[in-house]
Amino acid sequence: MKHRFGFEAYAMEELVAELGAGFLCAEQGLPTNPRKDHAPYINNWLQVLKNDKRAIFTVAAKAQDAVD
């Protein structure tokens, strides 16, 4: 990874990972429980999504590719 927490590229990577984990949990019927440390990540994800209205589609496709 070139970037660290707080950078948009890092936020995109984390969002792909988090969505992928959610997809896997849903596929396997596993519960998803929010954690206290999710809040700082969500703030960075919101910045990415506000800056690029199509980012969610890109991220979701990459997450699905990773799950597949």
PDB file of N, CA and C in Angstrom:
ATOM      1  N   MET A   1       0.836  -1.195   0.000  1.00  0.00           N
ATOM      2  CA  MET A   1       0.000   0.000   0.000  1.00  0.00           C
ATOM      3  C   MET A   1       0.867   1.239   0.000  1.00  0.00           C
ATOM      4  N   LYS A   2       0.573   2.132  -0.890  1.00  0.00           N
ATOM      5  CA  LYS A   2       1.302   3.395  -0.941  1.00  0.00           C
ATOM      6  C   LYS A   2       0.769   4.391   0.074  1.00  0.00           C
ATOM      7  N   HIS A   3      -0.498   4.295   0.361  1.00  0.00           N
ATOM      8  CA  HIS A   3      -1.134   5.313   1.206  1.00  0.00           C
ATOM      9  C   HIS A   3      -1.525   4.736   2.547  1.00  0.00           C
ATOM     10  N   ARG A   4      -1.709   5.608   3.470  1.00  0.00           N
ATOM     11  CA  ARG A   4      -2.103   5.222   4.817  1.00  0.00           C
ATOM     12  C   ARG A   4      -3.464   5.825   5.151  1.00  0.00           C
ATOM     13  N   PHE A   5      -3.936   5.486   6.358  1.00  0.00           N
ATOM     14  CA  PHE A   5      -5.229   5.979   6.832  1.00  0.00           C
ATOM     15  C   PHE A   5      -5.339   7.485   6.626  1.00  0.00           C
ATOM     16  N   GLY A   6      -6.471   7.909   6.123  1.00  0.00           N
ATOM     17  CA  GLY A   6      -6.710   9.328   5.896  1.00  0.00           C
ATOM     18  C   GLY A   6      -6.577   9.721   4.440  1.00  0.00           C
ATOM     19  N   PHE A   7      -6.017   8.838   3.615  1.00  0.00           N
ATOM     20  CA  PHE A   7      -5.888   9.125   2.192  1.00  0.00           C
ATOM     21  C   PHE A   7      -7.036   8.459   1.445  1.00  0.00           C
ATOM     22  N   GLU A   8      -7.477   9.093   0.354  1.00  0.00           N
ATOM     23  CA  GLU A   8      -8.619   8.593  -0.406  1.00  0.00           C
ATOM     24  C   GLU A   8      -8.361   7.185  -0.965  1.00  0.00           C
ATOM     25  N   ALA A   9      -7.162   6.935  -1.476  1.00  0.00           N
ATOM     26  CA  ALA A   9      -6.859   5.616  -2.033  1.00  0.00           C
ATOM     27  C   ALA A   9      -6.965   4.541  -0.955  1.00  0.00           C
ATOM     28  N   TYR A  10      -6.494   4.843   0.231  1.00  0.00           N
ATOM     29  CA  TYR A  10      -6.585   3.901   1.352  1.00  0.00           C
ATOM     30  C   TYR A  10      -8.050   3.665   1.718  1.00  0.00           C
ATOM     31  N   ALA A  11      -8.825   4.727   1.725  1.00  0.00           N
ATOM     32  CA  ALA A  11     -10.248   4.612   2.050  1.00  0.00           C
ATOM     33  C   ALA A  11     -10.950   3.710   1.038  1.00  0.00           C
ATOM     34  N   MET A  12     -10.593   3.833  -0.241  1.00  0.00           N
ATOM     35  CA  MET A  12     -11.185   2.980  -1.273  1.00  0.00           C
ATOM     36  C   MET A  12     -10.829   1.516  -1.016  1.00  0.00           C
ATOM     37  N   GLU A  13      -9.571   1.244  -0.698  1.00  0.00           N
ATOM     38  CA  GLU A  13      -9.149  -0.127  -0.421  1.00  0.00           C
ATOM     39  C   GLU A  13      -9.896  -0.698   0.780  1.00  0.00           C
ATOM     40  N   GLU A  14     -10.040   0.108   1.811  1.00  0.00           N
ATOM     41  CA  GLU A  14     -10.744  -0.355   3.009  1.00  0.00           C
ATOM     42  C   GLU A  14     -12.225  -0.583   2.726  1.00  0.00           C
ATOM     43  N   LEU A  15     -12.810   0.262   1.914  1.00  0.00           N
ATOM     44  CA  LEU A  15     -14.227   0.102   1.585  1.00  0.00           C
ATOM     45  C   LEU A  15     -14.436  -1.171   0.763  1.00  0.00           C
ATOM     46  N   VAL A  16     -13.535  -1.467  -0.163  1.00  0.00           N
ATOM     47  CA  VAL A  16     -13.611  -2.723  -0.919  1.00  0.00           C
ATOM     48  C   VAL A  16     -13.551  -3.904   0.056  1.00  0.00           C
ATOM     49  N   ALA A  17     -12.614  -3.867   0.981  1.00  0.00           N
ATOM     50  CA  ALA A  17     -12.457  -4.952   1.949  1.00  0.00           C
ATOM     51  C   ALA A  17     -13.699  -5.094   2.828  1.00  0.00           C
ATOM     52  N   GLU A  18     -14.233  -3.984   3.278  1.00  0.00           N
ATOM     53  CA  GLU A  18     -15.388  -4.028   4.176  1.00  0.00           C
ATOM     54  C   GLU A  18     -16.637  -4.524   3.451  1.00  0.00           C
ATOM     55  N   LEU A  19     -16.856  -4.045   2.233  1.00  0.00           N
ATOM     56  CA  LEU A  19     -18.002  -4.528   1.461  1.00  0.00           C
ATOM     57  C   LEU A  19     -17.846  -6.009   1.145  1.00  0.00           C
ATOM     58  N   GLY A  20     -16.633  -6.401   0.783  1.00  0.00           N
ATOM     59  CA  GLY A  20     -16.382  -7.815   0.508  1.00  0.00           C
ATOM     60  C   GLY A  20     -16.691  -8.676   1.718  1.00  0.00           C
ATOM     61  N   ALA A  21     -16.277  -8.231   2.887  1.00  0.00           N
ATOM     62  CA  ALA A  21     -16.571  -8.967   4.122  1.00  0.00           C
ATOM     63  C   ALA A  21     -18.075  -9.055   4.345  1.00  0.00           C
ATOM     64  N   GLY A  22     -18.769  -7.962   4.069  1.00  0.00           N
ATOM     65  CA  GLY A  22     -20.233  -7.969   4.205  1.00  0.00           C
ATOM     66  C   GLY A  22     -20.889  -8.932   3.236  1.00  0.00           C
ATOM     67  N   PHE A  23     -20.379  -8.958   1.996  1.00  0.00           N
ATOM     68  CA  PHE A  23     -20.916  -9.883   0.997  1.00  0.00           C
ATOM     69  C   PHE A  23     -20.711 -11.330   1.446  1.00  0.00           C
ATOM     70  N   LEU A  24     -19.506 -11.626   1.948  1.00  0.00           N
ATOM     71  CA  LEU A  24     -19.214 -12.980   2.412  1.00  0.00           C
ATOM     72  C   LEU A  24     -20.090 -13.378   3.590  1.00  0.00           C
ATOM     73  N   CYS A  25     -20.264 -12.462   4.530  1.00  0.00           N
ATOM     74  CA  CYS A  25     -21.120 -12.755   5.689  1.00  0.00           C
ATOM     75  C   CYS A  25     -22.552 -13.027   5.247  1.00  0.00           C
ATOM     76  N   ALA A  26     -23.051 -12.221   4.323  1.00  0.00           N
ATOM     77  CA  ALA A  26     -24.413 -12.421   3.830  1.00  0.00           C
ATOM     78  C   ALA A  26     -24.537 -13.759   3.107  1.00  0.00           C
ATOM     79  N   GLU A  27     -23.552 -14.082   2.302  1.00  0.00           N
ATOM     80  CA  GLU A  27     -23.556 -15.339   1.548  1.00  0.00           C
ATOM     81  C   GLU A  27     -23.557 -16.555   2.473  1.00  0.00           C
ATOM     82  N   GLN A  28     -22.829 -16.450   3.575  1.00  0.00           N
ATOM     83  CA  GLN A  28     -22.692 -17.572   4.509  1.00  0.00           C
ATOM     84  C   GLN A  28     -23.697 -17.530   5.662  1.00  0.00           C
ATOM     85  N   GLY A  29     -24.514 -16.489   5.698  1.00  0.00           N
ATOM     86  CA  GLY A  29     -25.504 -16.368   6.760  1.00  0.00           C
ATOM     87  C   GLY A  29     -24.907 -16.004   8.108  1.00  0.00           C
ATOM     88  N   LEU A  30     -23.745 -15.362   8.086  1.00  0.00           N
ATOM     89  CA  LEU A  30     -23.083 -14.961   9.331  1.00  0.00           C
ATOM     90  C   LEU A  30     -23.572 -13.594   9.789  1.00  0.00           C
ATOM     91  N   PRO A  31     -23.645 -13.376  11.096  1.00  0.00           N
ATOM     92  CA  PRO A  31     -24.069 -12.067  11.594  1.00  0.00           C
ATOM     93  C   PRO A  31     -22.989 -11.007  11.364  1.00  0.00           C
ATOM     94  N   THR A  32     -23.426  -9.799  11.210  1.00  0.00           N
ATOM     95  CA  THR A  32     -22.492  -8.674  11.107  1.00  0.00           C
ATOM     96  C   THR A  32     -22.783  -7.733  12.264  1.00  0.00           C
ATOM     97  N   ASN A  33     -21.782  -7.482  13.051  1.00  0.00           N
ATOM     98  CA  ASN A  33     -21.928  -6.605  14.206  1.00  0.00           C
ATOM     99  C   ASN A  33     -20.990  -5.421  14.049  1.00  0.00           C
ATOM    100  N   PRO A  34     -21.530  -4.198  14.123  1.00  0.00           N
ATOM    101  CA  PRO A  34     -20.652  -3.030  14.012  1.00  0.00           C
ATOM    102  C   PRO A  34     -19.665  -2.972  15.168  1.00  0.00           C
ATOM    103  N   ARG A  35     -18.489  -2.428  14.868  1.00  0.00           N
ATOM    104  CA  ARG A  35     -17.466  -2.256  15.898  1.00  0.00           C
ATOM    105  C   ARG A  35     -17.254  -0.771  16.134  1.00  0.00           C
ATOM    106  N   LYS A  36     -16.745  -0.437  17.304  1.00  0.00           N
ATOM    107  CA  LYS A  36     -16.522   0.967  17.656  1.00  0.00           C
ATOM    108  C   LYS A  36     -15.521   1.646  16.724  1.00  0.00           C
ATOM    109  N   ASP A  37     -14.570   0.885  16.204  1.00  0.00           N
ATOM    110  CA  ASP A  37     -13.554   1.500  15.350  1.00  0.00           C
ATOM    111  C   ASP A  37     -14.025   1.701  13.908  1.00  0.00           C
ATOM    112  N   HIS A  38     -15.270   1.379  13.604  1.00  0.00           N
ATOM    113  CA  HIS A  38     -15.789   1.608  12.256  1.00  0.00           C
ATOM    114  C   HIS A  38     -16.034   3.084  11.969  1.00  0.00           C
ATOM    115  N   ALA A  39     -16.338   3.874  12.972  1.00  0.00           N
ATOM    116  CA  ALA A  39     -16.695   5.279  12.759  1.00  0.00           C
ATOM    117  C   ALA A  39     -15.630   6.077  12.006  1.00  0.00           C
ATOM    118  N   PRO A  40     -14.345   5.997  12.366  1.00  0.00           N
ATOM    119  CA  PRO A  40     -13.352   6.764  11.608  1.00  0.00           C
ATOM    120  C   PRO A  40     -13.258   6.314  10.154  1.00  0.00           C
ATOM    121  N   TYR A  41     -13.437   5.042   9.902  1.00  0.00           N
ATOM    122  CA  TYR A  41     -13.405   4.549   8.528  1.00  0.00           C
ATOM    123  C   TYR A  41     -14.591   5.096   7.746  1.00  0.00           C
ATOM    124  N   ILE A  42     -15.754   5.081   8.360  1.00  0.00           N
ATOM    125  CA  ILE A  42     -16.958   5.560   7.680  1.00  0.00           C
ATOM    126  C   ILE A  42     -16.789   7.016   7.261  1.00  0.00           C
ATOM    127  N   ASN A  43     -16.182   7.815   8.092  1.00  0.00           N
ATOM    128  CA  ASN A  43     -15.940   9.220   7.742  1.00  0.00           C
ATOM    129  C   ASN A  43     -15.089   9.333   6.473  1.00  0.00           C
ATOM    130  N   ASN A  44     -14.034   8.524   6.376  1.00  0.00           N
ATOM    131  CA  ASN A  44     -13.198   8.547   5.172  1.00  0.00           C
ATOM    132  C   ASN A  44     -13.957   8.026   3.961  1.00  0.00           C
ATOM    133  N   TRP A  45     -14.775   6.996   4.153  1.00  0.00           N
ATOM    134  CA  TRP A  45     -15.553   6.461   3.038  1.00  0.00           C
ATOM    135  C   TRP A  45     -16.530   7.494   2.518  1.00  0.00           C
ATOM    136  N   LEU A  46     -17.132   8.248   3.420  1.00  0.00           N
ATOM    137  CA  LEU A  46     -18.076   9.277   3.000  1.00  0.00           C
ATOM    138  C   LEU A  46     -17.402  10.333   2.135  1.00  0.00           C
ATOM    139  N   GLN A  47     -16.165  10.684   2.478  1.00  0.00           N
ATOM    140  CA  GLN A  47     -15.427  11.651   1.662  1.00  0.00           C
ATOM    141  C   GLN A  47     -15.206  11.109   0.256  1.00  0.00           C
ATOM    142  N   VAL A  48     -14.822   9.852   0.148  1.00  0.00           N
ATOM    143  CA  VAL A  48     -14.612   9.221  -1.160  1.00  0.00           C
ATOM    144  C   VAL A  48     -15.909   9.237  -1.953  1.00  0.00           C
ATOM    145  N   LEU A  49     -16.989   8.848  -1.323  1.00  0.00           N
ATOM    146  CA  LEU A  49     -18.269   8.755  -2.010  1.00  0.00           C
ATOM    147  C   LEU A  49     -18.807  10.127  -2.403  1.00  0.00           C
ATOM    148  N   LYS A  50     -18.526  11.142  -1.613  1.00  0.00           N
ATOM    149  CA  LYS A  50     -18.944  12.505  -1.956  1.00  0.00           C
ATOM    150  C   LYS A  50     -18.129  13.053  -3.125  1.00  0.00           C
ATOM    151  N   ASN A  51     -16.852  12.681  -3.184  1.00  0.00           N
ATOM    152  CA  ASN A  51     -15.976  13.184  -4.244  1.00  0.00           C
ATOM    153  C   ASN A  51     -16.212  12.504  -5.581  1.00  0.00           C
ATOM    154  N   ASP A  52     -16.747  11.294  -5.566  1.00  0.00           N
ATOM    155  CA  ASP A  52     -16.961  10.535  -6.789  1.00  0.00           C
ATOM    156  C   ASP A  52     -18.288   9.815  -6.681  1.00  0.00           C
ATOM    157  N   LYS A  53     -19.284  10.307  -7.375  1.00  0.00           N
ATOM    158  CA  LYS A  53     -20.641   9.756  -7.270  1.00  0.00           C
ATOM    159  C   LYS A  53     -20.740   8.326  -7.790  1.00  0.00           C
ATOM    160  N   ARG A  54     -19.780   7.876  -8.586  1.00  0.00           N
ATOM    161  CA  ARG A  54     -19.797   6.519  -9.119  1.00  0.00           C
ATOM    162  C   ARG A  54     -18.888   5.573  -8.329  1.00  0.00           C
ATOM    163  N   ALA A  55     -18.232   6.078  -7.318  1.00  0.00           N
ATOM    164  CA  ALA A  55     -17.272   5.271  -6.553  1.00  0.00           C
ATOM    165  C   ALA A  55     -17.917   4.026  -5.966  1.00  0.00           C
ATOM    166  N   ILE A  56     -19.136   4.118  -5.498  1.00  0.00           N
ATOM    167  CA  ILE A  56     -19.783   2.963  -4.877  1.00  0.00           C
ATOM    168  C   ILE A  56     -19.910   1.806  -5.860  1.00  0.00           C
ATOM    169  N   PHE A  57     -20.134   2.116  -7.132  1.00  0.00           N
ATOM    170  CA  PHE A  57     -20.257   1.064  -8.139  1.00  0.00           C
ATOM    171  C   PHE A  57     -18.906   0.396  -8.396  1.00  0.00           C
ATOM    172  N   THR A  58     -17.864   1.197  -8.458  1.00  0.00           N
ATOM    173  CA  THR A  58     -16.511   0.677  -8.651  1.00  0.00           C
ATOM    174  C   THR A  58     -16.104  -0.188  -7.464  1.00  0.00           C
ATOM    175  N   VAL A  59     -16.333   0.328  -6.277  1.00  0.00           N
ATOM    176  CA  VAL A  59     -15.964  -0.380  -5.051  1.00  0.00           C
ATOM    177  C   VAL A  59     -16.747  -1.684  -4.925  1.00  0.00           C
ATOM    178  N   ALA A  60     -18.043  -1.631  -5.184  1.00  0.00           N
ATOM    179  CA  ALA A  60     -18.867  -2.842  -5.070  1.00  0.00           C
ATOM    180  C   ALA A  60     -18.430  -3.902  -6.079  1.00  0.00           C
ATOM    181  N   ALA A  61     -18.088  -3.489  -7.291  1.00  0.00           N
ATOM    182  CA  ALA A  61     -17.619  -4.450  -8.302  1.00  0.00           C
ATOM    183  C   ALA A  61     -16.300  -5.091  -7.883  1.00  0.00           C
ATOM    184  N   LYS A  62     -15.390  -4.290  -7.362  1.00  0.00           N
ATOM    185  CA  LYS A  62     -14.099  -4.824  -6.901  1.00  0.00           C
ATOM    186  C   LYS A  62     -14.290  -5.765  -5.713  1.00  0.00           C
ATOM    187  N   ALA A  63     -15.201  -5.418  -4.824  1.00  0.00           N
ATOM    188  CA  ALA A  63     -15.483  -6.268  -3.661  1.00  0.00           C
ATOM    189  C   ALA A  63     -16.071  -7.603  -4.122  1.00  0.00           C
ATOM    190  N   GLN A  64     -16.983  -7.548  -5.073  1.00  0.00           N
ATOM    191  CA  GLN A  64     -17.591  -8.789  -5.590  1.00  0.00           C
ATOM    192  C   GLN A  64     -16.548  -9.644  -6.285  1.00  0.00           C
ATOM    193  N   ASP A  65     -15.658  -9.010  -7.041  1.00  0.00           N
ATOM    194  CA  ASP A  65     -14.557  -9.752  -7.686  1.00  0.00           C
ATOM    195  C   ASP A  65     -13.700 -10.457  -6.640  1.00  0.00           C
ATOM    196  N   ALA A  66     -13.403  -9.767  -5.565  1.00  0.00           N
ATOM    197  CA  ALA A  66     -12.584 -10.358  -4.507  1.00  0.00           C
ATOM    198  C   ALA A  66     -13.298 -11.540  -3.851  1.00  0.00           C
ATOM    199  N   VAL A  67     -14.576 -11.408  -3.637  1.00  0.00           N
ATOM    200  CA  VAL A  67     -15.367 -12.482  -3.020  1.00  0.00           C
ATOM    201  C   VAL A  67     -15.437 -13.693  -3.954  1.00  0.00           C
ATOM    202  N   ASP A  68     -15.665 -13.401  -5.224  1.00  0.00           N
ATOM    203  CA  ASP A  68     -15.738 -14.487  -6.207  1.00  0.00           C
ATOM    204  C   ASP A  68     -14.424 -15.236  -6.294  1.00  0.00           C
TER     205      ASP A  68
END
